[in-house]
PDB file of N, CA and C in Angstrom:
ATOM      1  N   MET A   1       0.898  -1.350   0.130  1.00  0.00           N
ATOM      2  CA  MET A   1      -0.031  -0.046  -0.224  1.00  0.00           C
ATOM      3  C   MET A   1       0.817   1.342   0.201  1.00  0.00           C
ATOM      4  N   GLY A   2       0.444   2.438  -0.696  1.00  0.00           N
ATOM      5  CA  GLY A   2       1.285   3.453  -0.804  1.00  0.00           C
ATOM      6  C   GLY A   2       0.734   4.512   0.128  1.00  0.00           C
ATOM      7  N   LYS A   3       1.491   5.512   0.079  1.00  0.00           N
ATOM      8  CA  LYS A   3       1.135   6.833   0.949  1.00  0.00           C
ATOM      9  C   LYS A   3       0.635   7.607   0.006  1.00  0.00           C
ATOM     10  N   ILE A   4      -0.294   8.594   0.506  1.00  0.00           N
ATOM     11  CA  ILE A   4      -0.917   9.489  -0.203  1.00  0.00           C
ATOM     12  C   ILE A   4      -0.397  10.827   0.243  1.00  0.00           C
ATOM     13  N   THR A   5       0.133  11.699  -0.492  1.00  0.00           N
ATOM     14  CA  THR A   5       0.632  13.173  -0.138  1.00  0.00           C
ATOM     15  C   THR A   5       0.030  14.076  -0.672  1.00  0.00           C
ATOM     16  N   ILE A   6      -0.792  15.058  -0.068  1.00  0.00           N
ATOM     17  CA  ILE A   6      -1.346  16.175  -0.847  1.00  0.00           C
ATOM     18  C   ILE A   6      -0.477  17.304  -0.908  1.00  0.00           C
ATOM     19  N   SER A   7      -0.600  17.909  -2.126  1.00  0.00           N
ATOM     20  CA  SER A   7       0.011  19.339  -2.378  1.00  0.00           C
ATOM     21  C   SER A   7      -0.959  20.189  -3.017  1.00  0.00           C
ATOM     22  N   ASP A   8      -1.367  20.903  -2.234  1.00  0.00           N
ATOM     23  CA  ASP A   8      -2.484  21.984  -2.673  1.00  0.00           C
ATOM     24  C   ASP A   8      -2.068  23.587  -2.520  1.00  0.00           C
ATOM     25  N   ASN A   9      -2.787  24.219  -3.263  1.00  0.00           N
ATOM     26  CA  ASN A   9      -2.378  25.842  -3.241  1.00  0.00           C
ATOM     27  C   ASN A   9      -3.549  26.409  -2.726  1.00  0.00           C
ATOM     28  N   VAL A  10      -3.209  27.157  -1.460  1.00  0.00           N
ATOM     29  CA  VAL A  10      -4.550  27.789  -0.755  1.00  0.00           C
ATOM     30  C   VAL A  10      -3.918  28.991  -0.187  1.00  0.00           C
ATOM     31  N   SER A  11      -4.602  30.157   0.045  1.00  0.00           N
ATOM     32  CA  SER A  11      -4.027  31.517   0.386  1.00  0.00           C
ATOM     33  C   SER A  11      -4.458  31.419   2.088  1.00  0.00           C
ATOM     34  N   LEU A  12      -3.846  32.201   2.479  1.00  0.00           N
ATOM     35  CA  LEU A  12      -3.686  32.557   3.997  1.00  0.00           C
ATOM     36  C   LEU A  12      -5.419  32.585   4.373  1.00  0.00           C
ATOM     37  N   ASP A  13      -6.328  32.911   3.681  1.00  0.00           N
ATOM     38  CA  ASP A  13      -7.680  33.240   3.910  1.00  0.00           C
ATOM     39  C   ASP A  13      -8.417  32.130   3.383  1.00  0.00           C
ATOM     40  N   GLY A  14      -7.799  31.178   2.909  1.00  0.00           N
ATOM     41  CA  GLY A  14      -8.678  29.839   2.447  1.00  0.00           C
ATOM     42  C   GLY A  14      -9.070  29.660   1.270  1.00  0.00           C
ATOM     43  N   VAL A  15      -8.686  30.772   0.215  1.00  0.00           N
ATOM     44  CA  VAL A  15      -9.030  30.584  -1.137  1.00  0.00           C
ATOM     45  C   VAL A  15      -8.184  29.435  -1.640  1.00  0.00           C
ATOM     46  N   THR A  16      -8.913  28.551  -2.347  1.00  0.00           N
ATOM     47  CA  THR A  16      -8.362  27.433  -3.060  1.00  0.00           C
ATOM     48  C   THR A  16      -8.446  27.570  -4.630  1.00  0.00           C
ATOM     49  N   GLN A  17      -9.419  28.473  -5.206  1.00  0.00           N
ATOM     50  CA  GLN A  17      -9.824  28.298  -6.674  1.00  0.00           C
ATOM     51  C   GLN A  17      -8.860  29.189  -7.421  1.00  0.00           C
ATOM     52  N   ASP A  18      -8.491  28.491  -8.487  1.00  0.00           N
ATOM     53  CA  ASP A  18      -7.793  29.171  -9.460  1.00  0.00           C
ATOM     54  C   ASP A  18      -6.554  30.150  -8.795  1.00  0.00           C
ATOM     55  N   PRO A  19      -5.505  29.604  -8.523  1.00  0.00           N
ATOM     56  CA  PRO A  19      -4.524  30.704  -8.187  1.00  0.00           C
ATOM     57  C   PRO A  19      -3.759  31.028  -9.045  1.00  0.00           C
ATOM     58  N   ALA A  20      -3.724  30.537 -10.545  1.00  0.00           N
ATOM     59  CA  ALA A  20      -2.785  31.302 -11.240  1.00  0.00           C
ATOM     60  C   ALA A  20      -3.795  32.143 -12.105  1.00  0.00           C
ATOM     61  N   GLY A  21      -4.905  32.293 -11.873  1.00  0.00           N
ATOM     62  CA  GLY A  21      -5.931  33.278 -12.796  1.00  0.00           C
ATOM     63  C   GLY A  21      -6.402  32.455 -14.076  1.00  0.00           C
ATOM     64  N   ASP A  22      -5.997  31.104 -14.310  1.00  0.00           N
ATOM     65  CA  ASP A  22      -6.406  30.759 -15.631  1.00  0.00           C
ATOM     66  C   ASP A  22      -7.875  30.626 -15.969  1.00  0.00           C
ATOM     67  N   GLU A  23      -8.837  30.463 -14.976  1.00  0.00           N
ATOM     68  CA  GLU A  23     -10.242  30.119 -15.094  1.00  0.00           C
ATOM     69  C   GLU A  23     -10.983  31.288 -14.720  1.00  0.00           C
ATOM     70  N   GLY A  24     -10.401  32.569 -14.362  1.00  0.00           N
ATOM     71  CA  GLY A  24     -11.258  33.804 -14.541  1.00  0.00           C
ATOM     72  C   GLY A  24     -12.100  33.808 -13.298  1.00  0.00           C
ATOM     73  N   PHE A  25     -11.829  33.157 -12.148  1.00  0.00           N
ATOM     74  CA  PHE A  25     -12.595  33.357 -11.094  1.00  0.00           C
ATOM     75  C   PHE A  25     -12.600  34.863 -10.651  1.00  0.00           C
ATOM     76  N   ARG A  26     -13.292  35.225  -9.459  1.00  0.00           N
ATOM     77  CA  ARG A  26     -13.343  36.497  -9.242  1.00  0.00           C
ATOM     78  C   ARG A  26     -12.310  36.760  -8.286  1.00  0.00           C
ATOM     79  N   HIS A  27     -11.696  35.549  -7.508  1.00  0.00           N
ATOM     80  CA  HIS A  27     -10.510  35.529  -6.587  1.00  0.00           C
ATOM     81  C   HIS A  27      -9.252  35.009  -7.287  1.00  0.00           C
ATOM     82  N   GLY A  28      -9.356  34.751  -8.271  1.00  0.00           N
ATOM     83  CA  GLY A  28      -8.331  33.934  -8.943  1.00  0.00           C
ATOM     84  C   GLY A  28      -7.198  34.789  -9.290  1.00  0.00           C
ATOM     85  N   GLY A  29      -5.955  34.258  -9.416  1.00  0.00           N
ATOM     86  CA  GLY A  29      -4.680  34.802  -9.802  1.00  0.00           C
ATOM     87  C   GLY A  29      -3.931  35.290  -8.678  1.00  0.00           C
ATOM     88  N   TRP A  30      -4.236  34.699  -7.609  1.00  0.00           N
ATOM     89  CA  TRP A  30      -3.721  35.439  -6.108  1.00  0.00           C
ATOM     90  C   TRP A  30      -2.016  34.669  -6.128  1.00  0.00           C
ATOM     91  N   ALA A  31      -1.889  33.396  -6.828  1.00  0.00           N
ATOM     92  CA  ALA A  31      -0.600  32.920  -6.746  1.00  0.00           C
ATOM     93  C   ALA A  31       0.497  33.621  -7.929  1.00  0.00           C
ATOM     94  N   GLY A  32      -0.179  33.593  -9.126  1.00  0.00           N
ATOM     95  CA  GLY A  32       0.307  33.741 -10.221  1.00  0.00           C
ATOM     96  C   GLY A  32       0.657  32.506 -11.001  1.00  0.00           C
ATOM     97  N   ARG A  33       1.385  32.641 -12.112  1.00  0.00           N
ATOM     98  CA  ARG A  33       1.652  31.461 -13.016  1.00  0.00           C
ATOM     99  C   ARG A  33       3.198  30.766 -12.319  1.00  0.00           C
ATOM    100  N   PRO A  34       2.755  29.612 -11.524  1.00  0.00           N
ATOM    101  CA  PRO A  34       3.957  28.818 -10.802  1.00  0.00           C
ATOM    102  C   PRO A  34       5.331  28.804 -12.050  1.00  0.00           C
ATOM    103  N   TYR A  35       4.988  28.413 -13.264  1.00  0.00           N
ATOM    104  CA  TYR A  35       6.169  28.112 -13.966  1.00  0.00           C
ATOM    105  C   TYR A  35       6.605  29.351 -14.735  1.00  0.00           C
ATOM    106  N   ASP A  36       6.507  30.444 -14.276  1.00  0.00           N
ATOM    107  CA  ASP A  36       6.973  31.914 -14.453  1.00  0.00           C
ATOM    108  C   ASP A  36       7.994  32.072 -13.685  1.00  0.00           C
ATOM    109  N   ARG A  37       7.953  31.392 -12.242  1.00  0.00           N
ATOM    110  CA  ARG A  37       8.881  31.860 -11.275  1.00  0.00           C
ATOM    111  C   ARG A  37       9.984  30.469 -10.960  1.00  0.00           C
ATOM    112  N   GLU A  38      11.022  30.728 -11.441  1.00  0.00           N
ATOM    113  CA  GLU A  38      12.131  29.661 -11.337  1.00  0.00           C
ATOM    114  C   GLU A  38      12.144  28.612  -9.914  1.00  0.00           C
ATOM    115  N   GLU A  39      12.131  29.439  -8.899  1.00  0.00           N
ATOM    116  CA  GLU A  39      12.091  28.657  -7.362  1.00  0.00           C
ATOM    117  C   GLU A  39      10.774  27.716  -7.382  1.00  0.00           C
ATOM    118  N   THR A  40       9.511  28.433  -7.733  1.00  0.00           N
ATOM    119  CA  THR A  40       8.529  27.625  -7.474  1.00  0.00           C
ATOM    120  C   THR A  40       8.337  26.746  -8.539  1.00  0.00           C
ATOM    121  N   ALA A  41       8.839  26.884  -9.835  1.00  0.00           N
ATOM    122  CA  ALA A  41       8.881  25.808 -10.838  1.00  0.00           C
ATOM    123  C   ALA A  41       9.977  24.540 -10.532  1.00  0.00           C
ATOM    124  N   GLN A  42      10.653  24.904  -9.799  1.00  0.00           N
ATOM    125  CA  GLN A  42      11.792  23.670  -9.274  1.00  0.00           C
ATOM    126  C   GLN A  42      10.923  22.999  -7.899  1.00  0.00           C
ATOM    127  N   ILE A  43      10.322  23.675  -7.055  1.00  0.00           N
ATOM    128  CA  ILE A  43       9.690  23.061  -6.096  1.00  0.00           C
ATOM    129  C   ILE A  43       8.456  22.027  -6.774  1.00  0.00           C
ATOM    130  N   LEU A  44       7.769  22.622  -7.754  1.00  0.00           N
ATOM    131  CA  LEU A  44       6.810  21.564  -8.301  1.00  0.00           C
ATOM    132  C   LEU A  44       7.553  20.365  -9.072  1.00  0.00           C
ATOM    133  N   LEU A  45       8.660  20.553  -9.887  1.00  0.00           N
ATOM    134  CA  LEU A  45       9.365  19.605 -10.295  1.00  0.00           C
ATOM    135  C   LEU A  45       9.600  18.457  -9.323  1.00  0.00           C
ATOM    136  N   ASP A  46      10.384  18.868  -8.405  1.00  0.00           N
ATOM    137  CA  ASP A  46      10.601  17.964  -7.344  1.00  0.00           C
ATOM    138  C   ASP A  46       9.519  17.318  -6.685  1.00  0.00           C
ATOM    139  N   GLU A  47       8.466  17.971  -6.473  1.00  0.00           N
ATOM    140  CA  GLU A  47       7.499  17.279  -5.966  1.00  0.00           C
ATOM    141  C   GLU A  47       6.836  15.964  -6.942  1.00  0.00           C
ATOM    142  N   ALA A  48       6.937  16.507  -8.160  1.00  0.00           N
ATOM    143  CA  ALA A  48       6.692  15.253  -9.323  1.00  0.00           C
ATOM    144  C   ALA A  48       7.574  14.393  -9.431  1.00  0.00           C
ATOM    145  N   LEU A  49       8.904  14.642  -9.232  1.00  0.00           N
ATOM    146  CA  LEU A  49       9.573  13.754  -9.197  1.00  0.00           C
ATOM    147  C   LEU A  49       9.616  12.744  -8.046  1.00  0.00           C
ATOM    148  N   GLY A  50       9.178  13.030  -7.082  1.00  0.00           N
ATOM    149  CA  GLY A  50       9.089  12.289  -5.975  1.00  0.00           C
ATOM    150  C   GLY A  50       7.859  11.541  -5.590  1.00  0.00           C
ATOM    151  N   THR A  51       7.132  11.585  -6.581  1.00  0.00           N
ATOM    152  CA  THR A  51       5.629  10.806  -6.492  1.00  0.00           C
ATOM    153  C   THR A  51       5.664   9.771  -7.436  1.00  0.00           C
ATOM    154  N   GLN A  52       4.809   8.760  -7.204  1.00  0.00           N
ATOM    155  CA  GLN A  52       4.656   7.672  -8.052  1.00  0.00           C
ATOM    156  C   GLN A  52       3.424   7.653  -9.029  1.00  0.00           C
ATOM    157  N   ALA A  53       2.496   8.291  -8.554  1.00  0.00           N
ATOM    158  CA  ALA A  53       1.415   8.492  -9.258  1.00  0.00           C
ATOM    159  C   ALA A  53       0.397   9.729  -8.962  1.00  0.00           C
ATOM    160  N   LEU A  54      -0.527  10.168  -9.612  1.00  0.00           N
ATOM    161  CA  LEU A  54      -1.428  11.514  -9.264  1.00  0.00           C
ATOM    162  C   LEU A  54      -2.842  10.825  -9.179  1.00  0.00           C
ATOM    163  N   LEU A  55      -3.475  11.824  -8.018  1.00  0.00           N
ATOM    164  CA  LEU A  55      -4.739  11.072  -7.768  1.00  0.00           C
ATOM    165  C   LEU A  55      -5.714  12.374  -7.700  1.00  0.00           C
ATOM    166  N   PHE A  56      -6.767  12.356  -8.857  1.00  0.00           N
ATOM    167  CA  PHE A  56      -7.432  13.646  -8.980  1.00  0.00           C
ATOM    168  C   PHE A  56      -9.061  13.299  -8.679  1.00  0.00           C
ATOM    169  N   GLY A  57      -9.799  14.138  -8.547  1.00  0.00           N
ATOM    170  CA  GLY A  57     -11.313  14.236  -8.549  1.00  0.00           C
ATOM    171  C   GLY A  57     -11.432  14.532 -10.162  1.00  0.00           C
ATOM    172  N   ARG A  58     -12.857  14.410 -10.465  1.00  0.00           N
ATOM    173  CA  ARG A  58     -12.893  14.814 -11.977  1.00  0.00           C
ATOM    174  C   ARG A  58     -12.815  16.239 -12.646  1.00  0.00           C
ATOM    175  N   HIS A  59     -13.214  16.964 -11.820  1.00  0.00           N
ATOM    176  CA  HIS A  59     -12.745  18.411 -12.035  1.00  0.00           C
ATOM    177  C   HIS A  59     -11.428  18.945 -12.414  1.00  0.00           C
ATOM    178  N   SER A  60     -10.573  18.538 -11.285  1.00  0.00           N
ATOM    179  CA  SER A  60      -9.268  18.937 -11.491  1.00  0.00           C
ATOM    180  C   SER A  60      -8.576  18.097 -12.422  1.00  0.00           C
ATOM    181  N   TYR A  61      -9.060  16.590 -12.704  1.00  0.00           N
ATOM    182  CA  TYR A  61      -8.438  16.032 -13.569  1.00  0.00           C
ATOM    183  C   TYR A  61      -8.619  16.583 -15.076  1.00  0.00           C
ATOM    184  N   GLU A  62      -9.758  17.221 -15.441  1.00  0.00           N
ATOM    185  CA  GLU A  62     -10.104  17.903 -16.636  1.00  0.00           C
ATOM    186  C   GLU A  62      -9.499  19.002 -16.735  1.00  0.00           C
ATOM    187  N   PHE A  63      -9.157  19.748 -15.625  1.00  0.00           N
ATOM    188  CA  PHE A  63      -8.235  21.112 -15.699  1.00  0.00           C
ATOM    189  C   PHE A  63      -7.002  20.710 -16.203  1.00  0.00           C
ATOM    190  N   PHE A  64      -6.133  19.856 -15.393  1.00  0.00           N
ATOM    191  CA  PHE A  64      -4.882  19.221 -15.956  1.00  0.00           C
ATOM    192  C   PHE A  64      -4.783  18.830 -17.401  1.00  0.00           C
ATOM    193  N   ALA A  65      -5.769  17.840 -17.362  1.00  0.00           N
ATOM    194  CA  ALA A  65      -5.770  16.910 -18.887  1.00  0.00           C
ATOM    195  C   ALA A  65      -5.887  18.083 -19.984  1.00  0.00           C
ATOM    196  N   MET A  66      -6.542  19.175 -19.788  1.00  0.00           N
ATOM    197  CA  MET A  66      -6.721  20.150 -21.281  1.00  0.00           C
ATOM    198  C   MET A  66      -5.426  20.842 -21.018  1.00  0.00           C
ATOM    199  N   ARG A  67      -4.679  20.928 -20.064  1.00  0.00           N
ATOM    200  CA  ARG A  67      -3.466  21.699 -20.332  1.00  0.00           C
ATOM    201  C   ARG A  67      -2.236  21.212 -20.425  1.00  0.00           C
ATOM    202  N   TRP A  68      -1.793  19.921 -19.734  1.00  0.00           N
ATOM    203  CA  TRP A  68      -0.268  19.564 -19.524  1.00  0.00           C
ATOM    204  C   TRP A  68      -0.061  18.474 -20.815  1.00  0.00           C
ATOM    205  N   PRO A  69      -0.818  17.822 -21.548  1.00  0.00           N
ATOM    206  CA  PRO A  69      -0.310  17.040 -22.507  1.00  0.00           C
ATOM    207  C   PRO A  69       0.200  17.694 -23.695  1.00  0.00           C
ATOM    208  N   ALA A  70      -0.154  19.098 -23.880  1.00  0.00           N
ATOM    209  CA  ALA A  70       0.303  19.798 -25.109  1.00  0.00           C
ATOM    210  C   ALA A  70       1.899  20.533 -24.623  1.00  0.00           C
ATOM    211  N   ARG A  71       2.146  20.457 -23.014  1.00  0.00           N
ATOM    212  CA  ARG A  71       2.953  21.259 -22.614  1.00  0.00           C
ATOM    213  C   ARG A  71       4.426  20.506 -22.856  1.00  0.00           C
ATOM    214  N   THR A  72       5.513  21.092 -22.663  1.00  0.00           N
ATOM    215  CA  THR A  72       6.905  20.656 -22.868  1.00  0.00           C
ATOM    216  C   THR A  72       7.563  21.279 -21.592  1.00  0.00           C
ATOM    217  N   GLY A  73       9.080  20.452 -21.667  1.00  0.00           N
ATOM    218  CA  GLY A  73       9.751  20.816 -20.425  1.00  0.00           C
ATOM    219  C   GLY A  73       9.635  19.368 -19.432  1.00  0.00           C
ATOM    220  N   ALA A  74      10.545  19.623 -18.341  1.00  0.00           N
ATOM    221  CA  ALA A  74      10.655  18.661 -17.580  1.00  0.00           C
ATOM    222  C   ALA A  74       9.323  18.069 -16.835  1.00  0.00           C
ATOM    223  N   LEU A  75       8.777  19.228 -15.932  1.00  0.00           N
ATOM    224  CA  LEU A  75       7.464  19.108 -15.394  1.00  0.00           C
ATOM    225  C   LEU A  75       6.408  18.204 -16.312  1.00  0.00           C
ATOM    226  N   ALA A  76       6.236  19.058 -17.578  1.00  0.00           N
ATOM    227  CA  ALA A  76       5.198  18.086 -18.397  1.00  0.00           C
ATOM    228  C   ALA A  76       5.685  17.064 -18.782  1.00  0.00           C
ATOM    229  N   GLU A  77       7.067  16.687 -19.025  1.00  0.00           N
ATOM    230  CA  GLU A  77       7.370  15.237 -19.043  1.00  0.00           C
ATOM    231  C   GLU A  77       6.932  14.239 -17.982  1.00  0.00           C
ATOM    232  N   ARG A  78       7.303  14.815 -16.970  1.00  0.00           N
ATOM    233  CA  ARG A  78       7.110  13.895 -15.625  1.00  0.00           C
ATOM    234  C   ARG A  78       5.318  13.830 -15.394  1.00  0.00           C
ATOM    235  N   LEU A  79       4.565  14.910 -15.353  1.00  0.00           N
ATOM    236  CA  LEU A  79       3.360  14.689 -15.168  1.00  0.00           C
ATOM    237  C   LEU A  79       2.396  13.768 -16.088  1.00  0.00           C
ATOM    238  N   ASN A  80       2.968  14.118 -17.539  1.00  0.00           N
ATOM    239  CA  ASN A  80       2.489  13.296 -18.746  1.00  0.00           C
ATOM    240  C   ASN A  80       2.911  11.887 -18.544  1.00  0.00           C
ATOM    241  N   SER A  81       3.927  11.483 -17.795  1.00  0.00           N
ATOM    242  CA  SER A  81       4.357  10.104 -17.782  1.00  0.00           C
ATOM    243  C   SER A  81       3.928   9.443 -16.605  1.00  0.00           C
ATOM    244  N   LEU A  82       3.453  10.148 -15.552  1.00  0.00           N
ATOM    245  CA  LEU A  82       2.758   9.353 -14.306  1.00  0.00           C
ATOM    246  C   LEU A  82       1.637   8.720 -14.592  1.00  0.00           C
ATOM    247  N   PRO A  83       1.349   7.613 -13.956  1.00  0.00           N
ATOM    248  CA  PRO A  83      -0.054   7.262 -13.871  1.00  0.00           C
ATOM    249  C   PRO A  83      -0.918   8.145 -13.149  1.00  0.00           C
ATOM    250  N   LYS A  84      -2.291   8.122 -13.776  1.00  0.00           N
ATOM    251  CA  LYS A  84      -3.062   9.088 -13.050  1.00  0.00           C
ATOM    252  C   LYS A  84      -4.417   8.447 -12.525  1.00  0.00           C
ATOM    253  N   TYR A  85      -4.846   8.626 -11.389  1.00  0.00           N
ATOM    254  CA  TYR A  85      -6.015   7.974 -11.050  1.00  0.00           C
ATOM    255  C   TYR A  85      -7.024   9.027 -10.875  1.00  0.00           C
ATOM    256  N   VAL A  86      -8.542   8.811 -11.448  1.00  0.00           N
ATOM    257  CA  VAL A  86      -9.668   9.750 -11.221  1.00  0.00           C
ATOM    258  C   VAL A  86     -10.649   9.094 -10.401  1.00  0.00           C
ATOM    259  N   VAL A  87     -10.924   9.713  -9.424  1.00  0.00           N
ATOM    260  CA  VAL A  87     -12.094   9.011  -8.541  1.00  0.00           C
ATOM    261  C   VAL A  87     -13.467   9.860  -9.226  1.00  0.00           C
ATOM    262  N   SER A  88     -14.264   9.413  -9.983  1.00  0.00           N
ATOM    263  CA  SER A  88     -15.456  10.021 -10.648  1.00  0.00           C
ATOM    264  C   SER A  88     -16.526   9.040 -10.928  1.00  0.00           C
ATOM    265  N   SER A  89     -17.608   9.428 -10.861  1.00  0.00           N
ATOM    266  CA  SER A  89     -18.917   8.772 -11.331  1.00  0.00           C
ATOM    267  C   SER A  89     -19.352   9.137 -12.643  1.00  0.00           C
ATOM    268  N   ILE A  90     -18.812  10.170 -13.155  1.00  0.00           N
ATOM    269  CA  ILE A  90     -18.964  10.839 -14.415  1.00  0.00           C
ATOM    270  C   ILE A  90     -18.168  10.491 -15.699  1.00  0.00           C
ATOM    271  N   LEU A  91     -16.866  10.810 -15.057  1.00  0.00           N
ATOM    272  CA  LEU A  91     -15.806  10.786 -16.277  1.00  0.00           C
ATOM    273  C   LEU A  91     -15.877   9.149 -16.958  1.00  0.00           C
ATOM    274  N   GLN A  92     -16.132   9.353 -18.325  1.00  0.00           N
ATOM    275  CA  GLN A  92     -15.776   8.035 -19.182  1.00  0.00           C
ATOM    276  C   GLN A  92     -14.858   8.180 -19.826  1.00  0.00           C
ATOM    277  N   ASP A  93     -13.946   7.083 -20.581  1.00  0.00           N
ATOM    278  CA  ASP A  93     -12.872   7.051 -21.340  1.00  0.00           C
ATOM    279  C   ASP A  93     -12.010   8.237 -21.062  1.00  0.00           C
ATOM    280  N   PRO A  94     -11.234   8.683 -20.166  1.00  0.00           N
ATOM    281  CA  PRO A  94     -10.294   9.559 -20.100  1.00  0.00           C
ATOM    282  C   PRO A  94      -9.025   9.319 -21.050  1.00  0.00           C
ATOM    283  N   ALA A  95      -8.780  10.805 -21.514  1.00  0.00           N
ATOM    284  CA  ALA A  95      -7.816  10.517 -23.115  1.00  0.00           C
ATOM    285  C   ALA A  95      -6.496  10.882 -22.378  1.00  0.00           C
ATOM    286  N   TRP A  96      -6.024  11.380 -21.359  1.00  0.00           N
ATOM    287  CA  TRP A  96      -4.857  11.818 -20.972  1.00  0.00           C
ATOM    288  C   TRP A  96      -4.081  10.524 -20.474  1.00  0.00           C
ATOM    289  N   ASN A  97      -3.195  10.414 -21.098  1.00  0.00           N
ATOM    290  CA  ASN A  97      -2.240   9.174 -21.270  1.00  0.00           C
ATOM    291  C   ASN A  97      -2.110   8.195 -19.642  1.00  0.00           C
ATOM    292  N   ASN A  98      -2.115   7.010 -19.558  1.00  0.00           N
ATOM    293  CA  ASN A  98      -1.798   6.387 -18.209  1.00  0.00           C
ATOM    294  C   ASN A  98      -3.001   6.893 -17.155  1.00  0.00           C
ATOM    295  N   THR A  99      -4.263   7.190 -17.544  1.00  0.00           N
ATOM    296  CA  THR A  99      -5.234   7.467 -16.682  1.00  0.00           C
ATOM    297  C   THR A  99      -6.216   6.231 -16.597  1.00  0.00           C
ATOM    298  N   THR A 100      -6.535   6.001 -15.266  1.00  0.00           N
ATOM    299  CA  THR A 100      -7.441   5.213 -14.690  1.00  0.00           C
ATOM    300  C   THR A 100      -8.711   5.751 -14.142  1.00  0.00           C
ATOM    301  N   SER A 101      -9.764   5.577 -14.549  1.00  0.00           N
ATOM    302  CA  SER A 101     -10.973   6.254 -13.747  1.00  0.00           C
ATOM    303  C   SER A 101     -11.521   5.107 -12.948  1.00  0.00           C
ATOM    304  N   ARG A 102     -11.922   5.652 -11.795  1.00  0.00           N
ATOM    305  CA  ARG A 102     -12.802   4.589 -10.859  1.00  0.00           C
ATOM    306  C   ARG A 102     -13.961   5.498 -10.396  1.00  0.00           C
ATOM    307  N   ALA A 103     -14.993   4.784 -10.548  1.00  0.00           N
ATOM    308  CA  ALA A 103     -16.373   5.451 -10.140  1.00  0.00           C
ATOM    309  C   ALA A 103     -16.432   5.582  -8.531  1.00  0.00           C
ATOM    310  N   ARG A 104     -16.756   6.333  -8.009  1.00  0.00           N
ATOM    311  CA  ARG A 104     -17.149   6.676  -6.609  1.00  0.00           C
ATOM    312  C   ARG A 104     -18.413   5.799  -6.119  1.00  0.00           C
ATOM    313  N   GLN A 105     -18.051   4.980  -4.758  1.00  0.00           N
ATOM    314  CA  GLN A 105     -19.160   4.072  -4.348  1.00  0.00           C
ATOM    315  C   GLN A 105     -19.988   4.981  -3.516  1.00  0.00           C
TER     316      GLN A 105
END
């Protein structure tokens, strides 16, 4: 059995939605684009290199799957190559490579 480690973006006042501002939420853009800052990009890459798989809910999976397959670079290569598991009763036939979808019970 493996260990689940959660990596999340959250502001000090508890805002978790849209940290880079990509989705246009009213409170979006509070963190900026992590790949524009070298130190933050390295932290994300180190996290990805230290993981064995990604676990998503459907909404997060769809957000990542729309963006990462077309990106290049070390982080994109790592995220695209990792096994991905999605817990969803809605998602059918996920297209992002190495993805397995399991229905919620």
